[in-house]
């Protein structure tokens, strides 16, 4: 297959580019050329909002759009003259208002979410722009991604705490639920969509099971080869994002439609182990390590 992937140099888009290259597909990535490119992928070095005639008349079996964050991002790509058979847009669970009944399913009315703000409404604009012009496109709404090439300081923060022998500071009792999705499962699900072409166009994607903050941290410590940490509960009066890597927001996606097509996902314990092995060899790949530990040392010890 001829596949166009937007991005291709960080986390989800980088993993996807490597995944389809390994499959033997003819992969082209669209990015500004500011980072090392995936071996075996052809590069179109452009800002996606300034494409000119670079894509005009070019055909791809699939556009795998990972980096569309606004309606403009979708619009400029579609207006470029590119031709394609299938289009998969990676959206976000942030399109669901936190006030909607949970678990969120694909029929929920989408709208502003006070936690995610413009990120969620911009993603929703991207969805609407795409489906208004390409009704056959697929929209995928994930929870938190994790896995190889993770470039946000989430699991890596816990790994660093484990390797440093630190206590782990958790919001209140650590019972807040988290839902994850491995980047490898995203790519496998894309394969299934291309093979089966289901009539449904919008899918929540993610693990069927949630974990608590404490369970997640324990699995991260285990992935690093360490015993479970000593947990320290932090009062709700302390801003959670000063010392912890997730917002104070618990939500759950209904992913039954995904599971009907792909009845298995990577076990979280396995996926975290794989992510740790990669992070151990690539500790500088997390671009901005937020100073959670420094805040803890200066304010919470």
C-alpha atoms as a PDB file:
ATOM      1  CA  UNK A   1       0.000   0.000   0.000  1.00  0.00           C
ATOM      2  CA  UNK A   2       0.966   3.630  -0.512  1.00  0.00           C
ATOM      3  CA  UNK A   3       0.505   5.377   2.838  1.00  0.00           C
ATOM      4  CA  UNK A   4       0.842   9.044   3.772  1.00  0.00           C
ATOM      5  CA  UNK A   5       1.473   9.652   7.476  1.00  0.00           C
ATOM      6  CA  UNK A   6       1.361  13.169   8.867  1.00  0.00           C
ATOM      7  CA  UNK A   7       4.214  13.653  11.279  1.00  0.00           C
ATOM      8  CA  UNK A   8       6.441  10.615  11.422  1.00  0.00           C
ATOM      9  CA  UNK A   9       9.176  11.764  13.800  1.00  0.00           C
ATOM     10  CA  UNK A  10       7.660  11.607  17.305  1.00  0.00           C
ATOM     11  CA  UNK A  11       5.736   9.059  19.359  1.00  0.00           C
ATOM     12  CA  UNK A  12       2.489   7.940  17.690  1.00  0.00           C
ATOM     13  CA  UNK A  13       3.301   9.053  14.163  1.00  0.00           C
ATOM     14  CA  UNK A  14       6.877   7.732  14.376  1.00  0.00           C
ATOM     15  CA  UNK A  15       5.698   4.357  15.619  1.00  0.00           C
ATOM     16  CA  UNK A  16       3.075   4.245  12.862  1.00  0.00           C
ATOM     17  CA  UNK A  17       5.633   5.066  10.181  1.00  0.00           C
ATOM     18  CA  UNK A  18       7.912   2.254  11.360  1.00  0.00           C
ATOM     19  CA  UNK A  19       4.955  -0.132  11.697  1.00  0.00           C
ATOM     20  CA  UNK A  20       3.847   0.304   8.094  1.00  0.00           C
ATOM     21  CA  UNK A  21       7.412   0.290   6.763  1.00  0.00           C
ATOM     22  CA  UNK A  22       7.911  -3.092   8.481  1.00  0.00           C
ATOM     23  CA  UNK A  23       4.743  -4.323   6.802  1.00  0.00           C
ATOM     24  CA  UNK A  24       6.349  -3.604   3.467  1.00  0.00           C
ATOM     25  CA  UNK A  25       4.169  -0.633   2.612  1.00  0.00           C
ATOM     26  CA  UNK A  26       5.403   2.382   0.658  1.00  0.00           C
ATOM     27  CA  UNK A  27       5.366   4.999   3.411  1.00  0.00           C
ATOM     28  CA  UNK A  28       5.610   8.748   2.907  1.00  0.00           C
ATOM     29  CA  UNK A  29       5.781  11.075   5.905  1.00  0.00           C
ATOM     30  CA  UNK A  30       4.789  14.736   5.923  1.00  0.00           C
ATOM     31  CA  UNK A  31       6.691  16.946   8.363  1.00  0.00           C
ATOM     32  CA  UNK A  32       8.996  19.939   8.554  1.00  0.00           C
ATOM     33  CA  UNK A  33      12.181  17.883   8.582  1.00  0.00           C
ATOM     34  CA  UNK A  34      13.340  19.165  11.948  1.00  0.00           C
ATOM     35  CA  UNK A  35      14.059  15.738  13.446  1.00  0.00           C
ATOM     36  CA  UNK A  36      15.561  12.442  12.360  1.00  0.00           C
ATOM     37  CA  UNK A  37      13.358  10.584   9.896  1.00  0.00           C
ATOM     38  CA  UNK A  38      12.233   6.961  10.004  1.00  0.00           C
ATOM     39  CA  UNK A  39      14.444   4.742   7.884  1.00  0.00           C
ATOM     40  CA  UNK A  40      12.628   3.458   4.834  1.00  0.00           C
ATOM     41  CA  UNK A  41      10.059   6.283   4.700  1.00  0.00           C
ATOM     42  CA  UNK A  42      10.075   8.974   2.030  1.00  0.00           C
ATOM     43  CA  UNK A  43       9.877  12.554   3.287  1.00  0.00           C
ATOM     44  CA  UNK A  44       7.747  15.438   2.084  1.00  0.00           C
ATOM     45  CA  UNK A  45       9.379  18.325   3.927  1.00  0.00           C
ATOM     46  CA  UNK A  46       6.570  20.817   4.372  1.00  0.00           C
ATOM     47  CA  UNK A  47       4.468  22.485   7.029  1.00  0.00           C
ATOM     48  CA  UNK A  48       1.051  20.872   6.578  1.00  0.00           C
ATOM     49  CA  UNK A  49      -0.591  24.302   6.358  1.00  0.00           C
ATOM     50  CA  UNK A  50       1.743  25.411   3.529  1.00  0.00           C
ATOM     51  CA  UNK A  51       1.691  22.533   1.079  1.00  0.00           C
ATOM     52  CA  UNK A  52       1.510  24.400  -2.201  1.00  0.00           C
ATOM     53  CA  UNK A  53       1.278  21.872  -5.035  1.00  0.00           C
ATOM     54  CA  UNK A  54       3.474  19.280  -3.328  1.00  0.00           C
ATOM     55  CA  UNK A  55       0.646  16.729  -2.990  1.00  0.00           C
ATOM     56  CA  UNK A  56      -1.461  17.698  -5.988  1.00  0.00           C
ATOM     57  CA  UNK A  57      -2.332  14.635  -8.046  1.00  0.00           C
ATOM     58  CA  UNK A  58      -0.470  12.231  -5.769  1.00  0.00           C
ATOM     59  CA  UNK A  59      -2.403   9.108  -4.781  1.00  0.00           C
ATOM     60  CA  UNK A  60      -2.257   7.191  -1.498  1.00  0.00           C
ATOM     61  CA  UNK A  61      -4.218   4.132  -0.456  1.00  0.00           C
ATOM     62  CA  UNK A  62      -4.328   5.599   3.059  1.00  0.00           C
ATOM     63  CA  UNK A  63      -3.883   8.971   4.692  1.00  0.00           C
ATOM     64  CA  UNK A  64      -3.064   8.264   8.338  1.00  0.00           C
ATOM     65  CA  UNK A  65      -3.516  11.668   9.924  1.00  0.00           C
ATOM     66  CA  UNK A  66      -1.901  11.817  13.348  1.00  0.00           C
ATOM     67  CA  UNK A  67      -1.078  15.532  13.535  1.00  0.00           C
ATOM     68  CA  UNK A  68      -4.409  17.202  12.719  1.00  0.00           C
ATOM     69  CA  UNK A  69      -5.188  19.373  15.729  1.00  0.00           C
ATOM     70  CA  UNK A  70      -7.564  21.868  14.087  1.00  0.00           C
ATOM     71  CA  UNK A  71     -10.093  22.096  11.313  1.00  0.00           C
ATOM     72  CA  UNK A  72      -7.554  24.129   9.337  1.00  0.00           C
ATOM     73  CA  UNK A  73      -5.088  21.250   9.468  1.00  0.00           C
ATOM     74  CA  UNK A  74      -7.612  18.957   7.806  1.00  0.00           C
ATOM     75  CA  UNK A  75      -8.834  21.592   5.371  1.00  0.00           C
ATOM     76  CA  UNK A  76      -5.375  22.491   4.032  1.00  0.00           C
ATOM     77  CA  UNK A  77      -4.538  18.830   3.503  1.00  0.00           C
ATOM     78  CA  UNK A  78      -7.773  18.106   1.654  1.00  0.00           C
ATOM     79  CA  UNK A  79      -7.381  21.293  -0.407  1.00  0.00           C
ATOM     80  CA  UNK A  80      -3.861  20.264  -1.452  1.00  0.00           C
ATOM     81  CA  UNK A  81      -5.163  18.135  -4.305  1.00  0.00           C
ATOM     82  CA  UNK A  82      -4.049  14.862  -2.715  1.00  0.00           C
ATOM     83  CA  UNK A  83      -6.002  11.767  -3.774  1.00  0.00           C
ATOM     84  CA  UNK A  84      -6.659   8.751  -1.541  1.00  0.00           C
ATOM     85  CA  UNK A  85      -8.846   5.725  -0.931  1.00  0.00           C
ATOM     86  CA  UNK A  86      -8.998   5.721   2.881  1.00  0.00           C
ATOM     87  CA  UNK A  87      -8.468   8.358   5.539  1.00  0.00           C
ATOM     88  CA  UNK A  88      -7.992   7.667   9.264  1.00  0.00           C
ATOM     89  CA  UNK A  89      -7.889  10.624  11.631  1.00  0.00           C
ATOM     90  CA  UNK A  90      -6.488  10.255  15.138  1.00  0.00           C
ATOM     91  CA  UNK A  91      -8.744  12.440  17.243  1.00  0.00           C
ATOM     92  CA  UNK A  92      -9.105  12.383  21.038  1.00  0.00           C
ATOM     93  CA  UNK A  93     -11.421  11.522  23.907  1.00  0.00           C
ATOM     94  CA  UNK A  94     -11.154  15.239  24.761  1.00  0.00           C
ATOM     95  CA  UNK A  95     -14.092  15.845  22.403  1.00  0.00           C
ATOM     96  CA  UNK A  96     -16.468  14.540  25.112  1.00  0.00           C
ATOM     97  CA  UNK A  97     -17.711  17.057  27.713  1.00  0.00           C
ATOM     98  CA  UNK A  98     -16.846  15.937  31.228  1.00  0.00           C
ATOM     99  CA  UNK A  99     -20.507  16.453  32.132  1.00  0.00           C
ATOM    100  CA  UNK A 100     -21.709  13.708  29.768  1.00  0.00           C
ATOM    101  CA  UNK A 101     -22.711  10.308  31.212  1.00  0.00           C
ATOM    102  CA  UNK A 102     -19.857   7.823  31.505  1.00  0.00           C
ATOM    103  CA  UNK A 103     -18.554   5.647  30.077  1.00  0.00           C
ATOM    104  CA  UNK A 104     -18.500   7.882  27.013  1.00  0.00           C
ATOM    105  CA  UNK A 105     -19.692   6.074  23.899  1.00  0.00           C
ATOM    106  CA  UNK A 106     -19.532   7.257  20.329  1.00  0.00           C
ATOM    107  CA  UNK A 107     -23.151   8.450  20.386  1.00  0.00           C
ATOM    108  CA  UNK A 108     -22.456  10.991  23.150  1.00  0.00           C
ATOM    109  CA  UNK A 109     -22.976  14.607  22.190  1.00  0.00           C
ATOM    110  CA  UNK A 110     -19.544  16.142  21.752  1.00  0.00           C
ATOM    111  CA  UNK A 111     -18.545  19.605  22.892  1.00  0.00           C
ATOM    112  CA  UNK A 112     -16.313  21.658  25.153  1.00  0.00           C
ATOM    113  CA  UNK A 113     -14.496  19.950  28.008  1.00  0.00           C
ATOM    114  CA  UNK A 114     -13.312  22.266  30.779  1.00  0.00           C
ATOM    115  CA  UNK A 115     -10.229  20.132  31.447  1.00  0.00           C
ATOM    116  CA  UNK A 116      -8.922  20.007  27.882  1.00  0.00           C
ATOM    117  CA  UNK A 117     -10.186  23.389  26.706  1.00  0.00           C
ATOM    118  CA  UNK A 118      -9.288  24.405  23.155  1.00  0.00           C
ATOM    119  CA  UNK A 119      -7.442  21.147  22.510  1.00  0.00           C
ATOM    120  CA  UNK A 120     -10.726  19.230  22.621  1.00  0.00           C
ATOM    121  CA  UNK A 121     -12.809  21.721  20.662  1.00  0.00           C
ATOM    122  CA  UNK A 122     -10.098  22.027  18.015  1.00  0.00           C
ATOM    123  CA  UNK A 123      -9.992  18.246  17.645  1.00  0.00           C
ATOM    124  CA  UNK A 124     -13.761  18.274  17.255  1.00  0.00           C
ATOM    125  CA  UNK A 125     -13.446  20.905  14.521  1.00  0.00           C
ATOM    126  CA  UNK A 126     -10.957  18.624  12.756  1.00  0.00           C
ATOM    127  CA  UNK A 127     -13.419  15.718  12.955  1.00  0.00           C
ATOM    128  CA  UNK A 128     -16.293  17.783  11.594  1.00  0.00           C
ATOM    129  CA  UNK A 129     -14.238  19.225   8.762  1.00  0.00           C
ATOM    130  CA  UNK A 130     -13.136  15.763   7.684  1.00  0.00           C
ATOM    131  CA  UNK A 131     -16.503  14.015   7.867  1.00  0.00           C
ATOM    132  CA  UNK A 132     -18.254  16.884   6.086  1.00  0.00           C
ATOM    133  CA  UNK A 133     -15.955  16.416   3.127  1.00  0.00           C
ATOM    134  CA  UNK A 134     -14.983  12.741   3.367  1.00  0.00           C
ATOM    135  CA  UNK A 135     -17.957  10.877   4.871  1.00  0.00           C
ATOM    136  CA  UNK A 136     -16.159   7.557   4.421  1.00  0.00           C
ATOM    137  CA  UNK A 137     -13.250   8.598   6.672  1.00  0.00           C
ATOM    138  CA  UNK A 138     -12.615   6.921  10.019  1.00  0.00           C
ATOM    139  CA  UNK A 139     -12.282   8.855  13.277  1.00  0.00           C
ATOM    140  CA  UNK A 140     -10.456   7.251  16.236  1.00  0.00           C
ATOM    141  CA  UNK A 141     -10.838   8.676  19.748  1.00  0.00           C
ATOM    142  CA  UNK A 142      -8.184   7.331  22.147  1.00  0.00           C
ATOM    143  CA  UNK A 143      -7.652   7.883  25.882  1.00  0.00           C
ATOM    144  CA  UNK A 144      -4.001   8.184  27.010  1.00  0.00           C
ATOM    145  CA  UNK A 145      -1.516   6.691  24.562  1.00  0.00           C
ATOM    146  CA  UNK A 146       1.554   4.900  25.911  1.00  0.00           C
ATOM    147  CA  UNK A 147       4.314   2.711  24.560  1.00  0.00           C
ATOM    148  CA  UNK A 148       7.547   2.934  22.632  1.00  0.00           C
ATOM    149  CA  UNK A 149       8.587   6.480  21.676  1.00  0.00           C
ATOM    150  CA  UNK A 150       6.399   8.131  24.332  1.00  0.00           C
ATOM    151  CA  UNK A 151       7.723  11.695  24.455  1.00  0.00           C
ATOM    152  CA  UNK A 152       5.637  13.078  27.325  1.00  0.00           C
ATOM    153  CA  UNK A 153       6.941  12.841  30.874  1.00  0.00           C
ATOM    154  CA  UNK A 154       4.398  10.332  32.163  1.00  0.00           C
ATOM    155  CA  UNK A 155       5.619   6.759  32.483  1.00  0.00           C
ATOM    156  CA  UNK A 156       9.174   8.094  32.218  1.00  0.00           C
ATOM    157  CA  UNK A 157       8.618  10.122  35.385  1.00  0.00           C
ATOM    158  CA  UNK A 158       7.564   7.002  37.268  1.00  0.00           C
ATOM    159  CA  UNK A 159      10.490   5.050  35.821  1.00  0.00           C
ATOM    160  CA  UNK A 160      12.849   7.783  37.032  1.00  0.00           C
ATOM    161  CA  UNK A 161      11.302   7.608  40.502  1.00  0.00           C
ATOM    162  CA  UNK A 162      11.727   3.836  40.507  1.00  0.00           C
ATOM    163  CA  UNK A 163      15.340   3.964  39.385  1.00  0.00           C
ATOM    164  CA  UNK A 164      16.078   6.739  41.869  1.00  0.00           C
ATOM    165  CA  UNK A 165      14.559   4.865  44.798  1.00  0.00           C
ATOM    166  CA  UNK A 166      12.052   7.629  45.408  1.00  0.00           C
ATOM    167  CA  UNK A 167       8.713   7.477  47.179  1.00  0.00           C
ATOM    168  CA  UNK A 168       5.812   8.095  44.825  1.00  0.00           C
ATOM    169  CA  UNK A 169       3.476  10.982  45.516  1.00  0.00           C
ATOM    170  CA  UNK A 170      -0.130  10.393  44.500  1.00  0.00           C
ATOM    171  CA  UNK A 171      -3.234  12.572  44.457  1.00  0.00           C
ATOM    172  CA  UNK A 172      -5.226  11.862  47.621  1.00  0.00           C
ATOM    173  CA  UNK A 173      -5.757   8.065  47.878  1.00  0.00           C
ATOM    174  CA  UNK A 174      -4.543   7.190  44.373  1.00  0.00           C
ATOM    175  CA  UNK A 175      -7.854   5.680  43.334  1.00  0.00           C
ATOM    176  CA  UNK A 176      -8.398   7.935  40.320  1.00  0.00           C
ATOM    177  CA  UNK A 177      -8.907   5.728  37.252  1.00  0.00           C
ATOM    178  CA  UNK A 178      -6.802   5.908  34.104  1.00  0.00           C
ATOM    179  CA  UNK A 179      -7.431   4.331  30.696  1.00  0.00           C
ATOM    180  CA  UNK A 180      -4.650   3.638  28.209  1.00  0.00           C
ATOM    181  CA  UNK A 181      -4.044   2.466  24.649  1.00  0.00           C
ATOM    182  CA  UNK A 182      -0.786   1.119  23.286  1.00  0.00           C
ATOM    183  CA  UNK A 183       0.473   2.653  20.046  1.00  0.00           C
ATOM    184  CA  UNK A 184       0.945  -0.831  18.615  1.00  0.00           C
ATOM    185  CA  UNK A 185      -2.754  -1.571  19.153  1.00  0.00           C
ATOM    186  CA  UNK A 186      -3.634   1.640  17.328  1.00  0.00           C
ATOM    187  CA  UNK A 187      -1.740   0.444  14.276  1.00  0.00           C
ATOM    188  CA  UNK A 188      -3.235  -3.038  14.483  1.00  0.00           C
ATOM    189  CA  UNK A 189      -6.714  -1.525  14.628  1.00  0.00           C
ATOM    190  CA  UNK A 190      -5.945   0.608  11.581  1.00  0.00           C
ATOM    191  CA  UNK A 191      -5.039  -2.603   9.740  1.00  0.00           C
ATOM    192  CA  UNK A 192      -8.399  -4.100  10.688  1.00  0.00           C
ATOM    193  CA  UNK A 193     -10.286  -1.041   9.461  1.00  0.00           C
ATOM    194  CA  UNK A 194      -8.508  -1.242   6.120  1.00  0.00           C
ATOM    195  CA  UNK A 195      -9.244  -4.960   5.838  1.00  0.00           C
ATOM    196  CA  UNK A 196     -12.875  -4.987   6.968  1.00  0.00           C
ATOM    197  CA  UNK A 197     -14.076  -1.461   6.130  1.00  0.00           C
ATOM    198  CA  UNK A 198     -16.868  -1.456   8.750  1.00  0.00           C
ATOM    199  CA  UNK A 199     -19.827   0.864   8.200  1.00  0.00           C
ATOM    200  CA  UNK A 200     -19.271   2.619  11.546  1.00  0.00           C
ATOM    201  CA  UNK A 201     -17.078   5.673  11.044  1.00  0.00           C
ATOM    202  CA  UNK A 202     -16.268   6.811  14.601  1.00  0.00           C
ATOM    203  CA  UNK A 203     -14.584   4.532  17.132  1.00  0.00           C
ATOM    204  CA  UNK A 204     -13.491   4.985  20.693  1.00  0.00           C
ATOM    205  CA  UNK A 205     -10.243   3.050  21.032  1.00  0.00           C
ATOM    206  CA  UNK A 206      -8.465   1.915  24.176  1.00  0.00           C
ATOM    207  CA  UNK A 207      -7.974  -0.862  26.680  1.00  0.00           C
ATOM    208  CA  UNK A 208     -11.205  -2.337  27.960  1.00  0.00           C
ATOM    209  CA  UNK A 209      -9.943  -2.192  31.542  1.00  0.00           C
ATOM    210  CA  UNK A 210      -9.023   0.867  33.548  1.00  0.00           C
ATOM    211  CA  UNK A 211      -6.419   1.031  36.325  1.00  0.00           C
ATOM    212  CA  UNK A 212      -6.079   3.240  39.340  1.00  0.00           C
ATOM    213  CA  UNK A 213      -3.190   5.643  39.731  1.00  0.00           C
ATOM    214  CA  UNK A 214      -1.696   3.331  42.370  1.00  0.00           C
ATOM    215  CA  UNK A 215      -1.991   0.274  40.135  1.00  0.00           C
ATOM    216  CA  UNK A 216      -0.426   2.115  37.222  1.00  0.00           C
ATOM    217  CA  UNK A 217       2.489   3.336  39.333  1.00  0.00           C
ATOM    218  CA  UNK A 218       3.059  -0.160  40.730  1.00  0.00           C
ATOM    219  CA  UNK A 219       3.158  -1.583  37.196  1.00  0.00           C
ATOM    220  CA  UNK A 220       5.647   1.103  36.144  1.00  0.00           C
ATOM    221  CA  UNK A 221       7.906   0.258  39.113  1.00  0.00           C
ATOM    222  CA  UNK A 222       7.594  -3.429  38.253  1.00  0.00           C
ATOM    223  CA  UNK A 223       8.513  -2.716  34.622  1.00  0.00           C
ATOM    224  CA  UNK A 224      11.667  -1.038  35.928  1.00  0.00           C
ATOM    225  CA  UNK A 225      12.477  -4.141  37.982  1.00  0.00           C
ATOM    226  CA  UNK A 226      11.654  -2.520  41.314  1.00  0.00           C
ATOM    227  CA  UNK A 227       9.386  -3.372  44.218  1.00  0.00           C
ATOM    228  CA  UNK A 228       6.173  -1.342  44.638  1.00  0.00           C
ATOM    229  CA  UNK A 229       6.911   2.143  45.942  1.00  0.00           C
ATOM    230  CA  UNK A 230       5.990   3.685  49.233  1.00  0.00           C
ATOM    231  CA  UNK A 231       3.064   5.913  48.364  1.00  0.00           C
ATOM    232  CA  UNK A 232       2.625   9.356  49.844  1.00  0.00           C
ATOM    233  CA  UNK A 233      -0.851  10.864  49.573  1.00  0.00           C
ATOM    234  CA  UNK A 234      -1.029  14.546  48.690  1.00  0.00           C
ATOM    235  CA  UNK A 235      -3.837  16.790  49.845  1.00  0.00           C
ATOM    236  CA  UNK A 236      -6.222  18.005  47.169  1.00  0.00           C
ATOM    237  CA  UNK A 237      -5.308  21.597  47.968  1.00  0.00           C
ATOM    238  CA  UNK A 238      -1.941  21.131  46.232  1.00  0.00           C
ATOM    239  CA  UNK A 239      -2.220  21.662  42.451  1.00  0.00           C
ATOM    240  CA  UNK A 240      -2.020  18.146  41.056  1.00  0.00           C
ATOM    241  CA  UNK A 241      -0.077  19.036  37.927  1.00  0.00           C
ATOM    242  CA  UNK A 242       2.760  20.479  40.018  1.00  0.00           C
ATOM    243  CA  UNK A 243       3.808  17.034  41.229  1.00  0.00           C
ATOM    244  CA  UNK A 244       1.895  14.489  39.139  1.00  0.00           C
ATOM    245  CA  UNK A 245       1.742  13.799  35.421  1.00  0.00           C
ATOM    246  CA  UNK A 246      -2.030  13.607  34.822  1.00  0.00           C
ATOM    247  CA  UNK A 247      -4.809  16.112  35.322  1.00  0.00           C
ATOM    248  CA  UNK A 248      -7.322  15.701  38.110  1.00  0.00           C
ATOM    249  CA  UNK A 249      -9.837  14.192  35.719  1.00  0.00           C
ATOM    250  CA  UNK A 250     -11.243  10.674  35.678  1.00  0.00           C
ATOM    251  CA  UNK A 251     -13.072   9.379  32.627  1.00  0.00           C
ATOM    252  CA  UNK A 252     -13.778   6.069  30.923  1.00  0.00           C
ATOM    253  CA  UNK A 253     -14.422   5.315  27.254  1.00  0.00           C
ATOM    254  CA  UNK A 254     -16.781   2.591  26.068  1.00  0.00           C
ATOM    255  CA  UNK A 255     -14.592   0.674  23.617  1.00  0.00           C
ATOM    256  CA  UNK A 256     -16.980  -2.199  22.894  1.00  0.00           C
ATOM    257  CA  UNK A 257     -17.186  -1.337  19.171  1.00  0.00           C
ATOM    258  CA  UNK A 258     -13.397  -1.606  18.907  1.00  0.00           C
ATOM    259  CA  UNK A 259     -13.349  -4.904  20.793  1.00  0.00           C
ATOM    260  CA  UNK A 260     -15.978  -6.339  18.448  1.00  0.00           C
ATOM    261  CA  UNK A 261     -13.402  -5.988  15.664  1.00  0.00           C
ATOM    262  CA  UNK A 262     -10.195  -6.442  17.708  1.00  0.00           C
ATOM    263  CA  UNK A 263     -10.940  -8.540  20.793  1.00  0.00           C
ATOM    264  CA  UNK A 264      -7.475  -8.288  22.329  1.00  0.00           C
ATOM    265  CA  UNK A 265      -5.103  -5.485  23.306  1.00  0.00           C
ATOM    266  CA  UNK A 266      -1.559  -5.474  24.660  1.00  0.00           C
ATOM    267  CA  UNK A 267      -1.681  -6.133  28.426  1.00  0.00           C
ATOM    268  CA  UNK A 268      -0.682  -2.978  30.262  1.00  0.00           C
ATOM    269  CA  UNK A 269       2.055  -4.778  32.206  1.00  0.00           C
ATOM    270  CA  UNK A 270       3.628  -6.019  28.972  1.00  0.00           C
ATOM    271  CA  UNK A 271       3.342  -2.662  27.242  1.00  0.00           C
ATOM    272  CA  UNK A 272       4.930  -0.813  30.146  1.00  0.00           C
ATOM    273  CA  UNK A 273       7.814  -3.272  30.216  1.00  0.00           C
ATOM    274  CA  UNK A 274       8.430  -2.648  26.511  1.00  0.00           C
ATOM    275  CA  UNK A 275       8.244   1.106  27.059  1.00  0.00           C
ATOM    276  CA  UNK A 276      10.721   0.940  29.943  1.00  0.00           C
ATOM    277  CA  UNK A 277      13.217  -1.088  27.902  1.00  0.00           C
ATOM    278  CA  UNK A 278      13.073   1.574  25.193  1.00  0.00           C
ATOM    279  CA  UNK A 279      13.295   4.473  27.673  1.00  0.00           C
ATOM    280  CA  UNK A 280      16.269   2.926  29.436  1.00  0.00           C
ATOM    281  CA  UNK A 281      18.185   3.055  26.158  1.00  0.00           C
ATOM    282  CA  UNK A 282      16.795   6.449  25.122  1.00  0.00           C
ATOM    283  CA  UNK A 283      16.427   8.585  28.264  1.00  0.00           C
ATOM    284  CA  UNK A 284      16.785  11.846  26.317  1.00  0.00           C
ATOM    285  CA  UNK A 285      13.852  11.140  24.029  1.00  0.00           C
ATOM    286  CA  UNK A 286      11.384  12.764  26.419  1.00  0.00           C
ATOM    287  CA  UNK A 287      11.696  16.333  25.205  1.00  0.00           C
ATOM    288  CA  UNK A 288      10.613  18.232  28.293  1.00  0.00           C
ATOM    289  CA  UNK A 289      10.941  16.576  31.657  1.00  0.00           C
ATOM    290  CA  UNK A 290       8.696  18.604  33.896  1.00  0.00           C
ATOM    291  CA  UNK A 291      10.176  19.344  37.346  1.00  0.00           C
ATOM    292  CA  UNK A 292       7.787  17.162  39.351  1.00  0.00           C
ATOM    293  CA  UNK A 293      10.563  15.767  41.529  1.00  0.00           C
ATOM    294  CA  UNK A 294      11.945  19.218  42.249  1.00  0.00           C
ATOM    295  CA  UNK A 295       8.507  20.452  43.320  1.00  0.00           C
ATOM    296  CA  UNK A 296       8.114  17.454  45.604  1.00  0.00           C
ATOM    297  CA  UNK A 297      11.544  17.954  47.145  1.00  0.00           C
ATOM    298  CA  UNK A 298      10.999  21.654  47.683  1.00  0.00           C
ATOM    299  CA  UNK A 299       7.390  21.620  48.807  1.00  0.00           C
ATOM    300  CA  UNK A 300       6.123  18.208  49.875  1.00  0.00           C
ATOM    301  CA  UNK A 301       8.901  16.373  51.699  1.00  0.00           C
END
